[in-house]
N, C-alpha and C. Protein backbone atom coordinates (compact mmCIF):
# COMPACT_ATOMS: atom_id res chain seq x y z
N THR A 1 106.04 92.19 116.27
CA THR A 1 107.45 91.70 116.41
C THR A 1 107.39 90.76 117.45
N THR A 2 108.26 89.99 117.64
CA THR A 2 108.62 89.04 118.77
C THR A 2 109.46 89.77 120.04
N ASP A 3 110.08 90.63 119.32
CA ASP A 3 111.15 90.99 120.10
C ASP A 3 111.16 92.57 120.72
N ARG A 4 111.95 92.96 121.74
CA ARG A 4 112.02 94.20 121.61
C ARG A 4 113.10 95.33 121.36
N ASP A 5 113.48 94.77 120.40
CA ASP A 5 115.15 95.64 119.99
C ASP A 5 114.47 96.59 118.58
N GLY A 6 112.94 96.47 118.45
CA GLY A 6 112.21 97.64 117.39
C GLY A 6 112.67 98.82 118.23
N GLY A 7 112.78 99.59 118.77
CA GLY A 7 112.45 100.76 119.67
C GLY A 7 111.28 101.53 119.32
N GLY A 8 110.30 100.86 119.41
CA GLY A 8 108.86 101.54 119.49
C GLY A 8 108.38 102.29 120.29
N THR A 9 107.30 103.00 120.23
CA THR A 9 106.97 104.11 121.09
C THR A 9 105.99 103.53 122.22
N GLY A 10 105.30 102.21 121.80
CA GLY A 10 104.39 101.37 122.91
C GLY A 10 103.23 102.00 123.09
N LEU A 11 102.85 102.63 121.69
CA LEU A 11 101.39 103.28 121.55
C LEU A 11 100.52 102.07 120.56
N GLY A 12 101.33 101.45 119.86
CA GLY A 12 100.36 100.30 118.99
C GLY A 12 98.91 99.78 119.25
N LEU A 13 99.01 99.45 120.62
CA LEU A 13 97.70 98.63 121.32
C LEU A 13 96.76 99.85 121.52
N ALA A 14 97.37 100.81 122.02
CA ALA A 14 96.07 101.82 122.50
C ALA A 14 95.20 102.35 121.30
N VAL A 15 96.07 102.62 119.95
CA VAL A 15 95.80 102.83 118.63
C VAL A 15 94.72 101.89 118.37
N VAL A 16 95.38 101.11 118.43
CA VAL A 16 94.16 99.70 117.55
C VAL A 16 92.77 99.75 118.86
N LYS A 17 92.78 100.12 120.02
CA LYS A 17 92.00 100.01 120.93
C LYS A 17 90.87 101.33 120.76
N ALA A 18 91.45 102.33 120.30
CA ALA A 18 90.88 103.33 119.82
C ALA A 18 89.89 102.71 118.43
N VAL A 19 90.71 102.69 117.65
CA VAL A 19 90.21 102.48 116.69
C VAL A 19 89.02 101.51 116.57
N ALA A 20 89.37 100.20 117.35
CA ALA A 20 88.15 99.47 117.24
C ALA A 20 87.10 99.96 117.85
N ARG A 21 87.09 100.63 119.05
CA ARG A 21 85.90 101.34 119.61
C ARG A 21 85.22 102.52 118.97
N ALA A 22 86.08 103.04 117.87
CA ALA A 22 85.52 104.16 117.40
C ALA A 22 84.37 103.40 116.36
N ARG A 23 84.84 101.93 116.48
CA ARG A 23 83.87 101.24 114.80
C ARG A 23 83.29 100.32 115.34
N GLY A 24 82.87 100.27 116.99
CA GLY A 24 82.07 99.56 118.08
C GLY A 24 82.49 98.24 117.95
N GLY A 25 83.79 97.85 117.92
CA GLY A 25 84.56 96.48 118.01
C GLY A 25 85.37 96.61 119.61
N SER A 26 86.20 95.74 119.42
CA SER A 26 86.42 95.84 120.75
C SER A 26 87.79 94.50 120.64
N ILE A 27 89.03 94.67 120.99
CA ILE A 27 90.26 93.79 121.15
C ILE A 27 90.64 93.28 123.10
N THR A 28 90.74 91.84 122.39
CA THR A 28 90.82 91.26 124.09
C THR A 28 92.17 90.77 123.98
N PHE A 29 92.86 90.15 125.14
CA PHE A 29 93.89 89.17 125.22
C PHE A 29 93.99 88.26 125.95
N GLU A 30 94.35 86.81 125.90
CA GLU A 30 94.88 86.07 126.67
C GLU A 30 96.31 85.64 126.54
N SER A 31 96.87 85.76 127.81
CA SER A 31 98.09 85.16 127.81
C SER A 31 98.72 84.02 128.87
N ASP A 32 99.54 83.10 128.67
CA ASP A 32 100.11 82.25 128.99
C ASP A 32 101.42 81.70 128.90
N GLU A 33 102.26 80.86 129.35
CA GLU A 33 103.37 81.02 129.08
C GLU A 33 103.96 80.46 127.88
N SER A 34 103.37 80.09 126.59
CA SER A 34 103.86 80.01 125.48
C SER A 34 103.61 81.62 124.38
N GLY A 35 102.80 82.47 124.99
CA GLY A 35 102.83 83.63 124.61
C GLY A 35 101.36 84.53 124.48
N THR A 36 101.09 85.18 123.54
CA THR A 36 99.57 86.12 124.11
C THR A 36 99.29 85.94 122.63
N LEU A 37 98.02 85.77 122.90
CA LEU A 37 96.62 85.85 122.16
C LEU A 37 96.00 87.18 122.37
N PHE A 38 95.92 87.90 120.67
CA PHE A 38 95.11 89.05 120.92
C PHE A 38 93.84 88.82 119.90
N THR A 39 92.60 89.19 120.14
CA THR A 39 91.94 88.96 119.29
C THR A 39 90.77 90.37 119.03
N LEU A 40 90.95 90.84 117.81
CA LEU A 40 90.48 91.74 117.33
C LEU A 40 89.12 91.89 116.66
N VAL A 41 87.88 92.24 116.95
CA VAL A 41 86.43 92.00 116.90
C VAL A 41 85.60 93.57 116.10
N LEU A 42 86.00 93.47 115.11
CA LEU A 42 85.30 94.97 114.02
C LEU A 42 83.87 94.22 113.69
């Protein structure tokens, strides 16, 4: 989502990172003033 009104737990990226590593993959990100790009490699 693009807003913080969802009331999430903040665990989403930690879970994605753990799953990616378990599968031999990775997750990276790049941020600038227009937003953040996440790249998941499996």
